[in-house]
Amino acid sequence: MNRGEVQEYIEERYPGFTIECKKTIPCRNSHIFMLDLCKGQIRDRIVVKISRNYQPREVALEFANLSRFYYGCKDGAVSSPQPLFVDAQKGILAMSHVQGINLAHMLHEIRPVSLQYLNSAVDLSAIALAKFHALFRRGDNESVKIDTNAPEDDINQFLAESQERMSECNLKTMVTPFFDFTSWNIIIKNNSMMLYLIDFPRREYVCTPHLDLARFRFGLELVKQFPPSKFFGLNRWDVDSLFERFLSVYCREMHVALSQDDLWLIARARKANIRRAQDLARKGRCGLQPKLEQAYLQTFSRQWLDQGDVFSKWPRMGRAEKA
């Protein structure tokens, strides 16, 4: 759907309102439209997300999970955009607009914030993930469920290889993982320490929380592969210390102390994410950005992408007790 078609569709949904498209954002897997709904003195902004390549059931599940978190998370500082409606057959999902910036923007230091503010945002991110896992907890006797139809070979391999190791972990809770829990999907509201999660899961994976913890760690490392950190010397925060802070807050919320087996699982899932990052071409058909990102990583981050074993660079062994 183009801009005009989206405006016409929303006008049918909201009769009597004038629709103004303020911004469009092409993403790898979706096209985002920011729309103003105007009627007299009323002016509301909404976000319409149109999926590029998801099945209707996946669009419906994302909306259901967004709604479940929005209505189920009882925390004054953690939420999500308000779900508005879904049209799964057309791949359309609508939600309220949050005026803020994503955590990745802060980490990239494009508009630097104080280290204290950044630490607070990371603490709140850990709390948000713990709240998500509490809401999306599965039965303790459920087995790891792998979606063999999904093109996530490295993640599937990690899940298959890790089932025996999971029995020795302290973090045994089975959950529907967020799956893409990265700083790009965490929004901090302007002028307040209020956090919103976006881009909820669209598949029914079942796993322990290690998958999401590793994804957040991977995201921190990925930020460091791009300017300004890589070339301009702006390194006011450190990956290891920031992730340890994140882990510490998460473990406090979950009332668990991680073992070496827990750290091994996080490291193994992190490795799967790094391998996955080498194959951005699988999403290249959705636009130029993935191709440019792949070319950049292959040129400037080959050493990071080619780490040879699970424990390369992280974790520093013996840190389980500190978590």
Protein backbone atom coordinates (compact mmCIF):
# COMPACT_ATOMS: atom_id res chain seq x y z
CA MET A 1 0.00 0.00 0.00
CA ASN A 2 1.25 3.48 -0.85
CA ARG A 3 0.72 6.62 1.21
CA GLY A 4 -2.56 7.54 -0.46
CA GLU A 5 -4.00 4.06 -0.05
CA VAL A 6 -3.05 4.01 3.63
CA GLN A 7 -4.68 7.40 4.23
CA GLU A 8 -7.84 6.23 2.48
CA TYR A 9 -7.89 3.02 4.52
CA ILE A 10 -7.53 4.89 7.83
CA GLU A 11 -10.22 7.40 6.83
CA GLU A 12 -12.61 4.45 6.47
CA ARG A 13 -11.61 3.28 9.95
CA TYR A 14 -12.04 6.74 11.47
CA PRO A 15 -15.00 8.41 9.71
CA GLY A 16 -15.16 12.17 10.15
CA PHE A 17 -11.41 12.52 10.69
CA THR A 18 -8.95 14.12 8.29
CA ILE A 19 -5.82 12.00 7.89
CA GLU A 20 -2.38 13.54 7.36
CA CYS A 21 0.63 11.33 6.69
CA LYS A 22 3.53 12.96 8.52
CA LYS A 23 6.28 10.42 7.90
CA THR A 24 7.00 7.07 6.28
CA ILE A 25 9.80 4.74 7.33
CA PRO A 26 10.74 1.76 5.12
CA CYS A 27 12.09 -1.08 7.26
CA ARG A 28 13.40 -4.51 6.37
CA ASN A 29 10.23 -6.38 7.17
CA SER A 30 7.64 -3.63 7.26
CA HIS A 31 6.66 -0.14 6.13
CA ILE A 32 5.86 2.31 8.92
CA PHE A 33 3.41 5.21 8.45
CA MET A 34 3.01 7.96 11.05
CA LEU A 35 -0.41 9.55 10.64
CA ASP A 36 -2.16 12.48 12.30
CA LEU A 37 -5.90 12.11 12.88
CA CYS A 38 -7.55 15.53 12.92
CA LYS A 39 -11.11 16.47 13.84
CA GLY A 40 -11.84 19.95 15.18
CA GLN A 41 -9.56 20.46 18.18
CA ILE A 42 -8.73 16.75 18.32
CA ARG A 43 -5.33 15.77 16.95
CA ASP A 44 -3.94 12.30 17.61
CA ARG A 45 -0.93 10.62 16.05
CA ILE A 46 -0.96 6.90 15.34
CA VAL A 47 1.51 4.46 13.84
CA VAL A 48 0.43 2.06 11.10
CA LYS A 49 2.76 -0.86 10.46
CA ILE A 50 2.32 -2.79 7.20
CA SER A 51 4.20 -6.08 7.07
CA ARG A 52 6.10 -6.95 3.92
CA ASN A 53 6.45 -10.70 4.22
CA TYR A 54 4.53 -12.01 7.23
CA GLN A 55 1.68 -14.47 7.13
CA PRO A 56 -1.70 -13.23 8.49
CA ARG A 57 -1.36 -15.44 11.55
CA GLU A 58 1.98 -13.79 12.35
CA VAL A 59 0.51 -10.29 12.08
CA ALA A 60 -2.39 -11.33 14.31
CA LEU A 61 0.01 -12.87 16.84
CA GLU A 62 2.16 -9.74 17.01
CA PHE A 63 -0.94 -7.66 17.75
CA ALA A 64 -2.11 -10.17 20.36
CA ASN A 65 1.28 -10.09 22.08
CA LEU A 66 1.41 -6.28 21.97
CA SER A 67 -2.06 -6.18 23.56
CA ARG A 68 -1.13 -8.77 26.18
CA PHE A 69 1.87 -6.73 27.30
CA TYR A 70 0.08 -3.36 27.17
CA TYR A 71 -2.82 -4.52 29.32
CA GLY A 72 -0.87 -6.99 31.45
CA CYS A 73 2.28 -5.11 32.45
CA LYS A 74 1.52 -3.41 35.75
CA ASP A 75 4.51 -1.11 36.02
CA GLY A 76 4.40 2.67 36.05
CA ALA A 77 7.65 3.01 34.11
CA VAL A 78 7.32 0.18 31.55
CA SER A 79 4.71 -0.22 28.84
CA SER A 80 4.19 -0.44 25.08
CA PRO A 81 2.29 1.69 22.57
CA GLN A 82 -1.45 1.26 22.92
CA PRO A 83 -2.77 -1.34 20.45
CA LEU A 84 -5.52 0.11 18.24
CA PHE A 85 -6.55 -2.44 15.61
CA VAL A 86 -5.24 -5.18 13.36
CA ASP A 87 -6.18 -6.30 9.85
CA ALA A 88 -4.22 -9.52 9.57
CA GLN A 89 -5.35 -10.29 6.02
CA LYS A 90 -3.90 -6.99 4.81
CA GLY A 91 -0.85 -7.22 7.07
CA ILE A 92 -1.84 -4.03 8.92
CA LEU A 93 -1.26 -3.31 12.60
CA ALA A 94 -2.01 0.06 14.22
CA MET A 95 -0.88 1.47 17.56
CA SER A 96 -0.54 4.78 19.35
CA HIS A 97 2.52 6.93 18.72
CA VAL A 98 5.17 7.38 21.43
CA GLN A 99 7.13 10.62 21.33
CA GLY A 100 10.64 9.53 22.21
CA ILE A 101 13.91 8.07 20.93
CA ASN A 102 15.08 4.49 20.88
CA LEU A 103 17.84 3.26 23.14
CA ALA A 104 20.04 2.49 20.13
CA HIS A 105 20.04 6.21 19.29
CA MET A 106 21.48 6.93 22.73
CA LEU A 107 24.03 4.14 22.44
CA HIS A 108 25.17 5.37 19.04
CA GLU A 109 25.82 8.70 20.81
CA ILE A 110 24.37 10.66 17.93
CA ARG A 111 22.73 12.86 20.54
CA PRO A 112 24.73 12.06 23.69
CA VAL A 113 23.00 11.71 27.04
CA SER A 114 24.65 11.54 30.44
CA LEU A 115 26.06 8.20 31.51
CA GLN A 116 23.70 8.26 34.49
CA TYR A 117 20.71 8.65 32.17
CA LEU A 118 22.00 5.85 29.93
CA ASN A 119 22.50 3.55 32.92
CA SER A 120 18.96 4.26 34.07
CA ALA A 121 17.62 3.41 30.61
CA VAL A 122 19.54 0.10 30.60
CA ASP A 123 18.27 -0.71 34.11
CA LEU A 124 14.71 -0.09 32.94
CA SER A 125 15.34 -2.25 29.84
CA ALA A 126 16.31 -5.15 32.09
CA ILE A 127 13.17 -4.62 34.19
CA ALA A 128 11.06 -4.52 31.02
CA LEU A 129 12.49 -7.84 29.81
CA ALA A 130 11.84 -9.44 33.20
CA LYS A 131 8.25 -8.14 33.10
CA PHE A 132 7.85 -9.57 29.59
CA HIS A 133 9.17 -12.97 30.63
CA ALA A 134 6.84 -13.01 33.65
CA LEU A 135 3.84 -12.29 31.41
CA PHE A 136 4.89 -14.73 28.68
CA ARG A 137 5.92 -17.59 30.92
CA ARG A 138 5.11 -21.05 29.63
CA GLY A 139 4.55 -24.26 31.55
CA ASP A 140 7.69 -25.38 33.36
CA ASN A 141 7.39 -28.84 31.81
CA GLU A 142 7.22 -27.55 28.23
CA SER A 143 10.07 -28.47 25.92
CA VAL A 144 12.01 -26.14 23.71
CA LYS A 145 9.98 -25.59 20.57
CA ILE A 146 11.79 -24.87 17.33
CA ASP A 147 10.01 -23.40 14.35
CA THR A 148 11.67 -25.46 11.66
CA ASN A 149 9.78 -23.55 8.97
CA ALA A 150 11.39 -20.26 9.96
CA PRO A 151 14.63 -19.26 8.16
CA GLU A 152 16.54 -18.85 11.41
CA ASP A 153 18.97 -21.74 11.04
CA ASP A 154 21.58 -20.49 13.52
CA ILE A 155 18.98 -19.84 16.21
CA ASN A 156 17.33 -23.21 15.59
CA GLN A 157 20.71 -24.92 15.82
CA PHE A 158 21.43 -23.16 19.11
CA LEU A 159 18.12 -24.34 20.55
CA ALA A 160 18.70 -27.90 19.41
CA GLU A 161 22.24 -28.04 20.80
CA SER A 162 21.38 -26.43 24.12
CA GLN A 163 18.52 -28.54 25.48
CA GLU A 164 20.74 -30.76 27.62
CA ARG A 165 22.72 -27.81 28.95
CA MET A 166 19.49 -26.07 30.03
CA SER A 167 18.87 -28.70 32.71
CA GLU A 168 22.03 -27.52 34.53
CA CYS A 169 21.07 -23.83 34.46
CA ASN A 170 19.65 -21.81 37.33
CA LEU A 171 17.47 -19.82 34.94
CA LYS A 172 15.04 -22.57 34.03
CA THR A 173 11.87 -20.59 33.29
CA MET A 174 10.32 -21.47 29.94
CA VAL A 175 9.00 -18.45 28.04
CA THR A 176 7.87 -17.24 24.68
CA PRO A 177 11.01 -15.23 23.90
CA PHE A 178 10.79 -11.65 22.68
CA PHE A 179 13.32 -12.84 20.08
CA ASP A 180 14.39 -9.39 18.83
CA PHE A 181 15.03 -7.73 22.17
CA THR A 182 17.52 -5.09 21.07
CA SER A 183 18.01 -1.40 21.77
CA TRP A 184 16.31 -0.59 18.44
CA ASN A 185 13.03 -1.93 19.84
CA ILE A 186 13.20 0.03 23.10
CA ILE A 187 11.85 3.59 23.14
CA ILE A 188 12.51 6.05 25.94
CA LYS A 189 9.82 8.72 26.15
CA ASN A 190 11.04 12.29 25.78
CA ASN A 191 11.74 14.16 29.02
CA SER A 192 10.95 11.20 31.26
CA MET A 193 12.30 7.82 32.25
CA MET A 194 9.39 5.88 30.77
CA LEU A 195 10.16 2.88 28.56
CA TYR A 196 8.10 1.37 25.74
CA LEU A 197 8.72 -1.95 23.97
CA ILE A 198 7.87 -2.35 20.29
CA ASP A 199 8.08 -5.09 17.65
CA PHE A 200 6.60 -7.96 19.64
CA PRO A 201 7.16 -11.63 18.69
CA ARG A 202 5.29 -13.09 15.73
CA ARG A 203 6.22 -16.76 16.22
CA GLU A 204 5.48 -19.29 18.92
CA TYR A 205 9.00 -20.17 20.01
CA VAL A 206 9.41 -21.74 23.42
CA CYS A 207 12.78 -21.31 25.13
CA THR A 208 14.50 -20.18 28.28
CA PRO A 209 15.26 -16.45 28.60
CA HIS A 210 18.89 -16.92 27.51
CA LEU A 211 17.88 -16.22 23.90
CA ASP A 212 16.68 -12.70 24.73
CA LEU A 213 19.60 -11.94 27.03
CA ALA A 214 22.01 -12.91 24.27
CA ARG A 215 20.14 -10.80 21.73
CA PHE A 216 20.48 -7.71 23.91
CA ARG A 217 24.21 -8.42 24.33
CA PHE A 218 24.61 -8.88 20.58
CA GLY A 219 22.87 -5.55 19.99
CA LEU A 220 25.31 -3.71 22.25
CA GLU A 221 28.23 -5.17 20.32
CA LEU A 222 26.63 -4.34 16.99
CA VAL A 223 26.30 -0.68 17.96
CA LYS A 224 30.06 -0.60 18.58
CA GLN A 225 30.71 -1.80 15.03
CA PHE A 226 29.31 1.41 13.52
CA PRO A 227 30.31 5.08 13.66
CA PRO A 228 30.73 7.07 15.78
CA SER A 229 32.14 4.46 18.19
CA LYS A 230 34.28 2.62 15.64
CA PHE A 231 35.88 5.59 13.93
CA PHE A 232 35.31 8.75 15.96
CA GLY A 233 36.51 7.55 19.36
CA LEU A 234 33.22 8.19 21.15
CA ASN A 235 33.28 5.31 23.61
CA ARG A 236 31.78 6.67 26.80
CA TRP A 237 30.22 3.30 27.59
CA ASP A 238 31.68 -0.20 27.62
CA VAL A 239 29.89 -3.30 26.31
CA ASP A 240 30.99 -5.63 29.12
CA SER A 241 30.18 -3.31 32.01
CA LEU A 242 26.86 -2.17 30.53
CA PHE A 243 25.75 -5.74 29.85
CA GLU A 244 26.81 -6.86 33.31
CA ARG A 245 24.70 -4.05 34.72
CA PHE A 246 21.78 -5.21 32.57
CA LEU A 247 22.23 -8.84 33.70
CA SER A 248 22.47 -7.84 37.34
CA VAL A 249 19.17 -5.93 37.26
CA TYR A 250 17.45 -8.67 35.27
CA CYS A 251 18.61 -11.37 37.70
CA ARG A 252 17.46 -9.27 40.65
CA GLU A 253 14.00 -8.98 39.10
CA MET A 254 13.89 -12.71 38.32
CA HIS A 255 15.33 -13.71 41.74
CA VAL A 256 18.05 -15.88 40.23
CA ALA A 257 21.85 -16.10 40.26
CA LEU A 258 23.34 -17.24 36.96
CA SER A 259 25.61 -20.28 36.81
CA GLN A 260 28.41 -20.98 34.36
CA ASP A 261 25.95 -23.03 32.32
CA ASP A 262 23.68 -20.01 32.10
CA LEU A 263 26.56 -17.89 30.83
CA TRP A 264 27.49 -20.60 28.33
CA LEU A 265 23.97 -20.59 26.90
CA ILE A 266 23.94 -16.80 26.61
CA ALA A 267 27.34 -16.90 24.91
CA ARG A 268 26.21 -19.66 22.53
CA ALA A 269 23.08 -17.75 21.54
CA ARG A 270 25.15 -14.59 21.10
CA LYS A 271 27.40 -16.51 18.71
CA ALA A 272 24.34 -17.60 16.71
CA ASN A 273 23.29 -13.97 16.39
CA ILE A 274 26.73 -12.94 15.17
CA ARG A 275 26.68 -15.67 12.53
CA ARG A 276 23.18 -14.59 11.56
CA ALA A 277 24.45 -11.03 11.06
CA GLN A 278 26.76 -12.26 8.32
CA ASP A 279 23.78 -13.22 6.16
CA LEU A 280 21.96 -9.92 5.78
CA ALA A 281 21.48 -10.68 2.10
CA ARG A 282 18.51 -12.88 3.07
CA LYS A 283 16.64 -9.63 3.76
CA GLY A 284 18.16 -7.64 0.92
CA ARG A 285 15.06 -7.99 -1.19
CA CYS A 286 13.29 -5.64 1.22
CA GLY A 287 15.42 -2.60 0.41
CA LEU A 288 18.83 -1.06 0.01
CA GLN A 289 19.58 -0.63 3.72
CA PRO A 290 20.31 -4.33 4.46
CA LYS A 291 22.66 -4.54 1.47
CA LEU A 292 24.57 -1.47 2.63
CA GLU A 293 24.73 -2.80 6.18
CA GLN A 294 26.03 -6.14 4.96
CA ALA A 295 28.70 -4.46 2.82
CA TYR A 296 29.73 -2.27 5.76
CA LEU A 297 30.02 -5.18 8.21
CA GLN A 298 31.97 -7.30 5.74
CA THR A 299 34.39 -4.43 5.15
CA PHE A 300 34.92 -3.04 8.64
CA SER A 301 33.82 -5.75 11.08
CA ARG A 302 35.20 -8.99 9.67
CA GLN A 303 37.19 -9.80 12.83
CA TRP A 304 34.08 -9.46 14.97
CA LEU A 305 31.95 -11.53 12.60
CA ASP A 306 34.59 -14.27 12.34
CA GLN A 307 35.01 -14.97 16.06
CA GLY A 308 36.06 -18.58 16.20
CA ASP A 309 34.42 -20.01 19.30
CA VAL A 310 31.54 -19.55 21.70
CA PHE A 311 33.54 -17.71 24.34
CA SER A 312 35.53 -15.33 22.09
CA LYS A 313 35.77 -11.93 23.82
CA TRP A 314 32.92 -12.81 26.21
CA PRO A 315 32.11 -13.91 28.83
CA ARG A 316 35.13 -13.54 31.06
CA MET A 317 34.90 -16.78 32.99
CA GLY A 318 34.24 -16.69 36.68
CA ARG A 319 31.74 -13.87 36.56
CA ALA A 320 28.68 -16.00 37.20
CA GLU A 321 28.77 -15.26 40.93
CA LYS A 322 28.61 -11.51 40.28
CA ALA A 323 25.38 -11.83 38.34
